[in-house]
């Protein structure tokens, strides 16, 4: 059975509907997911910048860049397997 109870709260002269505990939990979970996505994106962008700087600093050609990117993909894949 689902809890579909909603609460009415008087705010000034208006009555508004407050989120239930279930809705509040879902909102908090959604906020946490968005925050995690932002963090992952920031880390990924920083890593791409570091790879680009490495390629330029070491004057690596196209084939070397491809190999470097493949190694990085392997590193990321291994990290994701460790999480599960």
Protein backbone atom coordinates (compact mmCIF):
# COMPACT_ATOMS: atom_id res chain seq x y z
CA UNK A 1 0.00 0.00 0.00
CA UNK A 2 1.32 3.45 -0.88
CA UNK A 3 1.29 6.37 1.47
CA UNK A 4 -0.36 9.12 -0.55
CA UNK A 5 -1.13 11.43 2.34
CA UNK A 6 -0.39 15.08 1.66
CA UNK A 7 -0.11 17.77 4.26
CA UNK A 8 -1.72 21.18 3.99
CA UNK A 9 0.31 24.04 5.46
CA UNK A 10 -0.96 27.57 5.97
CA UNK A 11 1.56 30.14 4.68
CA UNK A 12 0.33 33.66 5.24
CA UNK A 13 -3.13 33.72 3.75
CA UNK A 14 -2.52 30.78 1.39
CA UNK A 15 -2.67 27.07 1.99
CA UNK A 16 0.06 25.11 0.25
CA UNK A 17 0.70 21.41 -0.08
CA UNK A 18 3.86 20.21 1.68
CA UNK A 19 5.80 17.24 0.34
CA UNK A 20 5.26 13.96 2.15
CA UNK A 21 8.20 12.14 3.71
CA UNK A 22 8.31 9.89 0.64
CA UNK A 23 8.44 12.89 -1.72
CA UNK A 24 11.04 14.57 0.47
CA UNK A 25 13.20 11.46 0.29
CA UNK A 26 12.90 11.36 -3.51
CA UNK A 27 13.83 15.04 -3.76
CA UNK A 28 16.88 14.49 -1.55
CA UNK A 29 17.88 11.42 -3.57
CA UNK A 30 17.54 13.36 -6.82
CA UNK A 31 19.67 16.19 -5.41
CA UNK A 32 22.34 13.68 -4.37
CA UNK A 33 22.33 12.13 -7.85
CA UNK A 34 22.70 15.51 -9.53
CA UNK A 35 25.51 16.44 -7.16
CA UNK A 36 27.31 13.17 -7.93
CA UNK A 37 26.94 13.74 -11.67
CA UNK A 38 28.43 17.23 -11.29
CA UNK A 39 31.36 15.83 -9.32
CA UNK A 40 32.02 13.05 -11.84
CA UNK A 41 31.88 15.56 -14.70
CA UNK A 42 34.34 17.88 -12.95
CA UNK A 43 36.78 15.01 -12.30
CA UNK A 44 36.49 13.79 -15.90
CA UNK A 45 37.07 17.29 -17.30
CA UNK A 46 40.13 17.75 -15.10
CA UNK A 47 41.51 14.40 -16.24
CA UNK A 48 41.00 15.32 -19.91
CA UNK A 49 42.84 18.60 -19.31
CA UNK A 50 45.71 16.72 -17.67
CA UNK A 51 45.92 14.32 -20.63
CA UNK A 52 45.91 17.22 -23.10
CA UNK A 53 48.70 18.95 -21.16
CA UNK A 54 50.70 15.70 -21.10
CA UNK A 55 50.33 15.28 -24.87
CA UNK A 56 51.43 18.86 -25.58
CA UNK A 57 54.28 18.82 -23.06
CA UNK A 58 55.71 15.61 -24.50
CA UNK A 59 54.98 16.61 -28.13
CA UNK A 60 53.13 13.35 -28.71
CA UNK A 61 51.86 12.67 -32.24
CA UNK A 62 48.46 11.29 -33.25
CA UNK A 63 49.32 7.63 -32.77
CA UNK A 64 50.84 8.33 -29.37
CA UNK A 65 47.75 10.31 -28.39
CA UNK A 66 45.51 7.42 -29.40
CA UNK A 67 47.57 5.01 -27.31
CA UNK A 68 47.50 7.40 -24.34
CA UNK A 69 43.71 7.67 -24.61
CA UNK A 70 43.37 3.89 -24.80
CA UNK A 71 45.46 3.50 -21.66
CA UNK A 72 43.30 6.07 -19.90
CA UNK A 73 40.14 4.25 -21.03
CA UNK A 74 41.54 1.03 -19.55
CA UNK A 75 42.31 2.83 -16.29
CA UNK A 76 38.77 4.22 -16.07
CA UNK A 77 37.26 0.81 -16.94
CA UNK A 78 39.32 -0.87 -14.21
CA UNK A 79 38.22 1.75 -11.67
CA UNK A 80 34.56 1.23 -12.56
CA UNK A 81 34.91 -2.55 -12.15
CA UNK A 82 36.35 -2.03 -8.68
CA UNK A 83 33.28 -0.03 -7.66
CA UNK A 84 30.83 -2.83 -8.44
